[in-house]
């Protein structure tokens, strides 16, 4: 369904459930006695059509389904126009096994969404090549997780007041033995469309906890590390995975911050809030990432136990009068709610100065530090601590012997 999230966010979960029930009813009406209609997950449905005479019949049925779903749906106090993206695959041309057929139809459905939705897309040779490439990448990623080809990079998050590094966002990188570094944008979407996103998420959780334990061992345990968590992980064994990683590594849970995007936060507010409360009981904080780009209304902020808002880079980098006003208002709102505001995407000194002038708490961006290997991040923290120690020593000596700082300097 193309507009399910809009209905859910605007009119509530009860309206969303009613929309799903009506969609299922209309799909069943379009189906024959021997057809099978199933809800796969969320707002995704599948229809199995046996004994069709040709592939043309598939297009006809898919078109009929699309027309049936286009009719307004009465949700009591209002009616909505329900649109859908339909993907179709034909046996045996597009696959001889159930899983292959479903994957082919799924690829076609995503192509329909890319075209803007409300259309039917048949699986094709081009989509087959794309699916084969994705399957190859998925297989390689599974191997990469097992064979330690993944590493975490750390992008510093600094205090706006003094520029000191207070923590870092952990970012997964894939060092392929033949292709070198593969960008996250190439493999994260592949993982999200398969069970690998859970396996990848568990790897990130453990690696981040191991790094936290190492920071503590080096006397740098006052810094935090954030991890990005997929919506699917929230629905499954996230709390168990984090609990196990903390236990095995001995990391301090109060130094771990879980980040989820704004849209993921409102996808299922009740479930997300419950998971965040469970994490808070463990001492783990939560942050809303990319704040300002999604559907997270102010009413949801009161329901979600989060301590930090990460303002999306688009507002910071635009710096038009309207964007600057939004930045200032968001900083003020965060302070009123008792939340920490982190501005993302700080790439110039002018941006940094503006954020400081508005009372921003923390900042992150290339101007302040690019993502770096763990060893470089540790070296940065140690250098800062040495500098802080020298400043304290000079101050202590100045307190004992007035006039000495000039000699020391």
Protein backbone atom coordinates (compact mmCIF):
# COMPACT_ATOMS: atom_id res chain seq x y z
CA UNK A 1 0.00 0.00 0.00
CA UNK A 2 1.34 3.42 -0.96
CA UNK A 3 -0.38 5.56 1.66
CA UNK A 4 -0.71 3.30 4.67
CA UNK A 5 1.84 5.24 6.73
CA UNK A 6 0.03 8.52 6.03
CA UNK A 7 -3.26 7.04 7.25
CA UNK A 8 -1.62 5.49 10.31
CA UNK A 9 0.18 8.69 11.27
CA UNK A 10 -2.71 11.06 10.54
CA UNK A 11 -5.72 9.12 11.80
CA UNK A 12 -4.21 6.61 14.22
CA UNK A 13 -3.55 2.87 14.43
CA UNK A 14 -7.23 1.95 14.62
CA UNK A 15 -7.84 3.60 11.26
CA UNK A 16 -4.74 1.88 9.88
CA UNK A 17 -6.02 -1.52 11.03
CA UNK A 18 -9.40 -0.79 9.45
CA UNK A 19 -7.65 0.09 6.18
CA UNK A 20 -5.77 -3.22 6.24
CA UNK A 21 -8.97 -5.19 6.86
CA UNK A 22 -10.78 -3.45 4.01
CA UNK A 23 -7.82 -4.00 1.69
CA UNK A 24 -7.84 -7.72 2.52
CA UNK A 25 -11.59 -7.88 1.87
CA UNK A 26 -11.25 -6.25 -1.55
CA UNK A 27 -8.38 -8.51 -2.51
CA UNK A 28 -10.49 -11.53 -1.56
CA UNK A 29 -13.34 -10.20 -3.71
CA UNK A 30 -10.99 -9.97 -6.70
CA UNK A 31 -9.75 -13.53 -6.20
CA UNK A 32 -11.23 -16.77 -7.50
CA UNK A 33 -12.08 -19.74 -5.33
CA UNK A 34 -8.73 -21.44 -6.04
CA UNK A 35 -6.65 -18.29 -5.47
CA UNK A 36 -4.85 -17.52 -2.21
CA UNK A 37 -4.74 -14.08 -0.58
CA UNK A 38 -2.26 -13.51 2.26
CA UNK A 39 -0.91 -10.63 4.28
CA UNK A 40 2.89 -10.95 4.40
CA UNK A 41 3.82 -8.17 6.83
CA UNK A 42 2.83 -4.62 7.65
CA UNK A 43 1.09 -3.22 4.59
CA UNK A 44 2.28 -5.91 2.14
CA UNK A 45 -0.08 -8.51 0.66
CA UNK A 46 0.42 -11.40 -1.75
CA UNK A 47 -2.01 -13.09 -4.14
CA UNK A 48 -1.30 -16.55 -5.58
CA UNK A 49 -3.07 -17.17 -8.92
CA UNK A 50 -2.85 -20.80 -10.14
CA UNK A 51 -4.02 -22.14 -13.52
CA UNK A 52 -3.81 -18.94 -15.55
CA UNK A 53 -3.61 -19.34 -19.32
CA UNK A 54 -0.94 -16.73 -20.02
CA UNK A 55 1.14 -13.94 -18.57
CA UNK A 56 -1.37 -11.49 -20.05
CA UNK A 57 -3.95 -12.84 -17.60
CA UNK A 58 -1.63 -11.84 -14.75
CA UNK A 59 -1.60 -8.24 -15.96
CA UNK A 60 -5.38 -8.23 -16.24
CA UNK A 61 -5.88 -9.55 -12.71
CA UNK A 62 -3.26 -7.19 -11.28
CA UNK A 63 -4.95 -4.27 -13.02
CA UNK A 64 -8.31 -5.34 -11.62
CA UNK A 65 -6.83 -5.47 -8.12
CA UNK A 66 -5.36 -2.01 -8.55
CA UNK A 67 -8.72 -0.59 -9.64
CA UNK A 68 -10.50 -2.22 -6.70
CA UNK A 69 -8.03 -0.72 -4.25
CA UNK A 70 -8.33 2.72 -5.83
CA UNK A 71 -11.96 3.07 -4.76
CA UNK A 72 -12.33 5.31 -1.66
CA UNK A 73 -12.39 3.44 1.64
CA UNK A 74 -14.84 4.65 4.27
CA UNK A 75 -13.15 4.85 7.66
CA UNK A 76 -16.15 6.26 9.50
CA UNK A 77 -15.56 9.98 9.93
CA UNK A 78 -13.57 10.20 6.70
CA UNK A 79 -12.79 8.38 3.47
CA UNK A 80 -9.35 7.75 2.01
CA UNK A 81 -8.16 6.88 -1.48
CA UNK A 82 -6.05 3.79 -1.05
CA UNK A 83 -3.29 3.38 -3.66
CA UNK A 84 -0.98 0.42 -4.10
CA UNK A 85 2.18 -0.62 -5.91
CA UNK A 86 1.71 -4.03 -7.53
CA UNK A 87 4.50 -6.34 -8.63
CA UNK A 88 3.87 -9.61 -10.47
CA UNK A 89 5.91 -12.69 -11.38
CA UNK A 90 4.97 -15.74 -13.50
CA UNK A 91 5.83 -19.42 -13.00
CA UNK A 92 8.07 -20.92 -14.36
CA UNK A 93 9.48 -18.06 -16.42
CA UNK A 94 10.36 -15.88 -13.42
CA UNK A 95 11.11 -18.68 -10.96
CA UNK A 96 10.42 -22.35 -10.33
CA UNK A 97 10.45 -22.24 -6.53
CA UNK A 98 7.96 -20.38 -4.27
CA UNK A 99 10.69 -18.29 -2.68
CA UNK A 100 12.11 -17.29 -6.08
CA UNK A 101 8.67 -16.26 -7.34
CA UNK A 102 7.98 -14.22 -4.23
CA UNK A 103 11.37 -12.50 -4.51
CA UNK A 104 10.71 -11.72 -8.18
CA UNK A 105 7.29 -10.26 -7.41
CA UNK A 106 8.82 -8.29 -4.55
CA UNK A 107 11.49 -6.83 -6.85
CA UNK A 108 8.78 -5.82 -9.32
CA UNK A 109 6.75 -4.24 -6.53
CA UNK A 110 9.70 -2.11 -5.42
CA UNK A 111 10.19 -1.04 -9.02
CA UNK A 112 6.51 0.02 -9.09
CA UNK A 113 7.12 2.09 -5.96
CA UNK A 114 10.16 3.72 -7.58
CA UNK A 115 7.92 4.76 -10.49
CA UNK A 116 5.72 6.66 -8.07
CA UNK A 117 3.28 3.96 -7.01
CA UNK A 118 -0.29 3.18 -8.08
CA UNK A 119 0.99 1.07 -11.01
CA UNK A 120 1.53 -2.57 -11.96
CA UNK A 121 5.07 -3.75 -12.74
CA UNK A 122 5.79 -7.16 -14.28
CA UNK A 123 9.07 -8.88 -13.45
CA UNK A 124 11.51 -8.50 -16.37
CA UNK A 125 14.97 -9.47 -17.53
CA UNK A 126 16.34 -6.16 -16.25
CA UNK A 127 14.79 -6.73 -12.87
CA UNK A 128 16.15 -10.27 -12.98
CA UNK A 129 19.67 -8.91 -13.45
CA UNK A 130 19.15 -6.48 -10.59
CA UNK A 131 17.78 -9.27 -8.40
CA UNK A 132 20.75 -11.50 -9.29
CA UNK A 133 23.16 -8.70 -8.39
CA UNK A 134 21.33 -8.16 -5.12
CA UNK A 135 21.41 -11.90 -4.34
CA UNK A 136 25.14 -12.02 -5.08
CA UNK A 137 25.70 -9.05 -2.79
CA UNK A 138 23.53 -10.62 -0.11
CA UNK A 139 25.57 -13.84 -0.25
CA UNK A 140 28.82 -11.89 -0.06
CA UNK A 141 27.52 -9.83 2.85
CA UNK A 142 26.60 -12.98 4.76
CA UNK A 143 30.20 -14.16 4.27
CA UNK A 144 31.53 -10.74 5.25
CA UNK A 145 29.75 -10.86 8.60
CA UNK A 146 31.08 -14.35 9.29
CA UNK A 147 34.65 -13.61 8.19
CA UNK A 148 35.17 -10.22 9.87
CA UNK A 149 35.24 -8.14 6.70
CA UNK A 150 33.17 -5.50 8.48
CA UNK A 151 34.58 -2.72 10.64
CA UNK A 152 33.10 0.15 12.60
CA UNK A 153 34.16 3.70 11.89
CA UNK A 154 33.45 6.44 14.41
CA UNK A 155 32.35 9.98 13.61
CA UNK A 156 33.02 12.32 16.55
CA UNK A 157 30.18 14.13 18.29
CA UNK A 158 31.51 17.22 20.04
CA UNK A 159 30.28 19.56 22.75
CA UNK A 160 29.23 22.87 21.22
CA UNK A 161 30.49 24.79 24.25
CA UNK A 162 34.16 23.77 24.10
CA UNK A 163 34.61 21.44 21.11
CA UNK A 164 35.53 18.46 23.29
CA UNK A 165 34.62 15.06 21.88
CA UNK A 166 31.89 13.60 24.07
CA UNK A 167 31.15 10.55 21.94
CA UNK A 168 30.79 9.19 18.44
CA UNK A 169 28.30 7.64 16.06
CA UNK A 170 29.38 4.17 14.97
CA UNK A 171 29.10 3.58 11.22
CA UNK A 172 29.57 0.15 9.66
CA UNK A 173 31.99 -0.25 6.74
CA UNK A 174 32.57 -3.28 4.53
CA UNK A 175 36.17 -3.91 3.48
CA UNK A 176 35.75 -6.37 0.59
CA UNK A 177 38.88 -8.48 -0.10
CA UNK A 178 38.66 -7.74 -3.86
CA UNK A 179 36.50 -4.63 -4.27
CA UNK A 180 37.87 -2.66 -1.35
CA UNK A 181 35.54 -0.50 0.72
CA UNK A 182 31.88 -0.93 -0.27
CA UNK A 183 29.72 2.10 0.65
CA UNK A 184 26.94 1.47 3.20
CA UNK A 185 24.37 2.73 0.70
CA UNK A 186 25.21 -0.27 -1.47
CA UNK A 187 24.75 -3.01 1.12
CA UNK A 188 22.49 -1.67 3.90
CA UNK A 189 19.37 -1.68 1.63
CA UNK A 190 20.20 -5.27 0.61
CA UNK A 191 20.43 -6.27 4.26
CA UNK A 192 17.15 -4.50 5.06
CA UNK A 193 15.32 -6.54 2.43
CA UNK A 194 16.48 -9.81 3.98
CA UNK A 195 17.09 -11.46 7.33
CA UNK A 196 20.66 -10.18 7.17
CA UNK A 197 19.64 -6.87 8.72
CA UNK A 198 19.22 -8.66 12.06
CA UNK A 199 22.55 -10.46 11.70
CA UNK A 200 24.25 -7.22 10.66
CA UNK A 201 22.60 -5.33 13.51
CA UNK A 202 23.79 -7.89 16.04
CA UNK A 203 27.33 -7.58 14.70
CA UNK A 204 27.23 -3.78 15.05
CA UNK A 205 25.87 -4.02 18.60
CA UNK A 206 28.63 -6.38 19.71
CA UNK A 207 31.40 -4.42 17.96
CA UNK A 208 30.21 -1.15 19.52
CA UNK A 209 30.06 -2.73 22.98
CA UNK A 210 33.57 -4.14 22.52
CA UNK A 211 34.79 -0.65 21.63
CA UNK A 212 33.08 0.84 24.70
CA UNK A 213 34.81 -1.74 26.89
CA UNK A 214 38.14 -0.89 25.23
CA UNK A 215 37.60 2.84 25.82
CA UNK A 216 36.96 2.14 29.50
CA UNK A 217 40.12 0.02 29.70
CA UNK A 218 42.11 2.93 28.26
CA UNK A 219 40.66 5.40 30.74
CA UNK A 220 38.35 6.96 28.15
CA UNK A 221 35.13 5.53 29.54
CA UNK A 222 33.37 8.87 29.93
CA UNK A 223 32.59 8.96 26.18
CA UNK A 224 29.50 7.41 24.59
CA UNK A 225 28.96 5.47 21.37
CA UNK A 226 25.74 5.47 19.35
CA UNK A 227 24.46 2.63 17.18
CA UNK A 228 21.89 2.82 14.37
CA UNK A 229 19.09 0.28 14.72
CA UNK A 230 16.73 -0.83 11.94
CA UNK A 231 12.94 -0.83 12.47
CA UNK A 232 12.89 -4.58 11.96
CA UNK A 233 15.38 -5.15 14.77
CA UNK A 234 13.09 -3.18 17.08
CA UNK A 235 10.29 -5.63 16.28
CA UNK A 236 12.45 -8.67 17.02
CA UNK A 237 15.24 -9.46 19.49
CA UNK A 238 16.91 -6.06 19.94
CA UNK A 239 16.80 -5.98 23.74
CA UNK A 240 18.06 -9.55 24.00
CA UNK A 241 20.92 -8.85 21.58
CA UNK A 242 22.03 -5.73 23.45
CA UNK A 243 21.73 -7.41 26.85
CA UNK A 244 23.89 -10.32 25.67
CA UNK A 245 26.53 -8.03 24.14
CA UNK A 246 26.75 -5.90 27.29
CA UNK A 247 27.10 -9.00 29.45
CA UNK A 248 29.77 -10.60 27.25
CA UNK A 249 31.88 -7.45 26.83
CA UNK A 250 31.39 -5.80 30.21
CA UNK A 251 30.56 -2.49 28.52
CA UNK A 252 28.85 0.25 30.54
CA UNK A 253 25.21 0.46 29.33
CA UNK A 254 25.01 4.14 30.26
CA UNK A 255 27.62 4.85 27.55
CA UNK A 256 25.53 3.21 24.79
CA UNK A 257 22.98 5.24 22.80
CA UNK A 258 20.48 3.65 20.40
CA UNK A 259 19.58 5.74 17.34
CA UNK A 260 16.43 5.23 15.29
CA UNK A 261 15.15 7.39 12.47
CA UNK A 262 12.14 9.61 12.92
CA UNK A 263 10.01 7.55 10.53
CA UNK A 264 11.01 4.30 12.22
CA UNK A 265 10.02 5.77 15.57
CA UNK A 266 6.42 6.37 14.47
CA UNK A 267 6.04 3.20 12.40
CA UNK A 268 4.70 1.47 15.51
CA UNK A 269 4.83 3.99 18.34
CA UNK A 270 3.54 1.64 21.02
CA UNK A 271 6.05 -1.11 20.22
CA UNK A 272 8.98 1.30 19.86
CA UNK A 273 8.07 3.02 23.14
CA UNK A 274 7.94 -0.35 24.90
CA UNK A 275 11.36 -1.36 23.53
CA UNK A 276 12.87 1.99 24.51
CA UNK A 277 11.49 1.66 28.03
CA UNK A 278 13.08 -1.79 28.28
CA UNK A 279 16.40 -0.33 27.12
CA UNK A 280 16.12 2.56 29.56
CA UNK A 281 15.71 0.06 32.39
CA UNK A 282 19.11 -1.30 31.34
CA UNK A 283 20.56 2.22 31.52
CA UNK A 284 20.66 2.73 27.74
CA UNK A 285 19.65 6.06 26.22
CA UNK A 286 17.86 6.60 22.90
CA UNK A 287 18.06 9.26 20.19
CA UNK A 288 15.80 10.22 17.29
CA UNK A 289 17.96 10.49 14.16
CA UNK A 290 17.29 12.72 11.12
CA UNK A 291 14.80 14.73 13.15
CA UNK A 292 12.69 17.10 11.05
CA UNK A 293 12.54 14.96 7.89
CA UNK A 294 9.84 12.47 8.82
CA UNK A 295 6.41 12.15 10.35
CA UNK A 296 7.24 12.40 14.04
CA UNK A 297 4.68 14.84 15.41
CA UNK A 298 5.19 16.59 18.71
CA UNK A 299 2.63 14.30 20.33
CA UNK A 300 4.91 11.30 19.69
CA UNK A 301 7.87 12.93 21.42
CA UNK A 302 5.91 12.83 24.66
CA UNK A 303 5.23 9.11 24.22
CA UNK A 304 8.77 8.04 23.35
CA UNK A 305 11.39 7.86 26.15
CA UNK A 306 14.20 9.49 24.18
CA UNK A 307 16.91 11.75 25.57
CA UNK A 308 18.39 13.16 22.36
CA UNK A 309 17.19 14.69 19.09
CA UNK A 310 19.60 14.66 16.15
CA UNK A 311 18.61 17.49 13.82
CA UNK A 312 18.86 16.45 10.18
CA UNK A 313 21.78 17.83 8.19
CA UNK A 314 19.48 19.39 5.57
CA UNK A 315 18.45 22.16 7.97
CA UNK A 316 22.01 22.84 9.11
CA UNK A 317 23.44 23.00 5.61
CA UNK A 318 20.66 25.08 4.05
CA UNK A 319 21.00 27.99 6.47
CA UNK A 320 18.33 29.99 4.68
CA UNK A 321 16.33 32.30 6.95
CA UNK A 322 13.54 29.73 7.20
CA UNK A 323 15.97 26.85 7.87
CA UNK A 324 17.78 28.93 10.50
CA UNK A 325 14.45 29.66 12.17
CA UNK A 326 13.62 25.94 12.23
CA UNK A 327 17.03 25.16 13.74
CA UNK A 328 16.58 27.80 16.45
CA UNK A 329 13.03 26.63 17.21
CA UNK A 330 14.10 22.97 17.41
CA UNK A 331 16.94 23.80 19.79
CA UNK A 332 14.53 25.76 22.00
CA UNK A 333 11.99 22.92 21.90
CA UNK A 334 14.62 20.34 22.86
CA UNK A 335 15.65 22.45 25.85
CA UNK A 336 12.02 22.81 26.94
CA UNK A 337 11.58 19.03 26.75
CA UNK A 338 14.81 18.42 28.65
CA UNK A 339 16.43 16.74 25.64
CA UNK A 340 19.92 17.05 24.21
CA UNK A 341 20.06 18.51 20.69
CA UNK A 342 22.74 17.25 18.31
CA UNK A 343 23.08 19.12 15.00
CA UNK A 344 24.22 16.85 12.15
CA UNK A 345 26.05 17.80 8.97
CA UNK A 346 28.15 20.68 10.31
CA UNK A 347 30.58 21.34 7.46
CA UNK A 348 31.62 24.99 7.84
CA UNK A 349 32.83 27.31 10.57
CA UNK A 350 29.88 29.63 9.94
CA UNK A 351 27.47 26.77 10.62
CA UNK A 352 29.30 25.90 13.82
CA UNK A 353 29.23 29.48 15.06
CA UNK A 354 25.53 29.87 14.32
CA UNK A 355 24.70 26.68 16.22
CA UNK A 356 26.78 27.79 19.19
CA UNK A 357 25.01 31.16 19.19
CA UNK A 358 21.64 29.39 19.32
CA UNK A 359 22.58 27.26 22.30
CA UNK A 360 22.98 23.93 20.49
CA UNK A 361 24.25 21.20 22.82
CA UNK A 362 26.34 19.01 20.53
CA UNK A 363 27.44 18.91 16.90
CA UNK A 364 28.55 16.36 14.34
CA UNK A 365 29.90 16.77 10.82
CA UNK A 366 32.95 16.81 8.55
CA UNK A 367 34.04 20.22 9.87
CA UNK A 368 34.41 18.63 13.31
CA UNK A 369 35.64 15.19 12.31
CA UNK A 370 35.10 12.65 9.55
CA UNK A 371 34.26 9.00 10.26
CA UNK A 372 37.51 7.32 11.30
CA UNK A 373 38.85 3.89 12.30
CA UNK A 374 38.72 2.98 15.99
CA UNK A 375 42.48 3.49 16.45
CA UNK A 376 42.28 7.05 15.11
CA UNK A 377 39.27 7.81 17.30
CA UNK A 378 41.12 6.56 20.38
CA UNK A 379 44.15 8.66 19.45
CA UNK A 380 41.92 11.74 19.12
CA UNK A 381 40.41 11.17 22.57
CA UNK A 382 43.81 10.59 24.17
CA UNK A 383 45.17 13.78 22.61
CA UNK A 384 42.22 15.75 23.97
CA UNK A 385 42.69 14.28 27.44
CA UNK A 386 46.41 15.12 27.41
CA UNK A 387 45.60 18.68 26.43
CA UNK A 388 42.96 18.92 29.17
CA UNK A 389 45.45 17.57 31.72
CA UNK A 390 48.05 20.15 30.68
CA UNK A 391 45.50 22.96 31.03
CA UNK A 392 44.53 21.76 34.50
CA UNK A 393 48.20 21.48 35.51
CA UNK A 394 48.94 25.03 34.36
CA UNK A 395 45.88 26.28 36.22
CA UNK A 396 46.89 24.46 39.39
CA UNK A 397 50.42 25.86 39.19
CA UNK A 398 49.02 29.34 38.56
CA UNK A 399 46.89 29.05 41.68
CA UNK A 400 49.94 28.10 43.76
CA UNK A 401 52.46 30.52 42.22
CA UNK A 402 50.86 33.66 40.76
CA UNK A 403 52.56 34.78 37.57
CA UNK A 404 53.90 31.32 36.77
CA UNK A 405 51.62 30.67 33.75
CA UNK A 406 53.56 33.17 31.66
CA UNK A 407 56.79 31.30 32.44
CA UNK A 408 55.20 27.92 31.73
CA UNK A 409 53.69 29.14 28.48
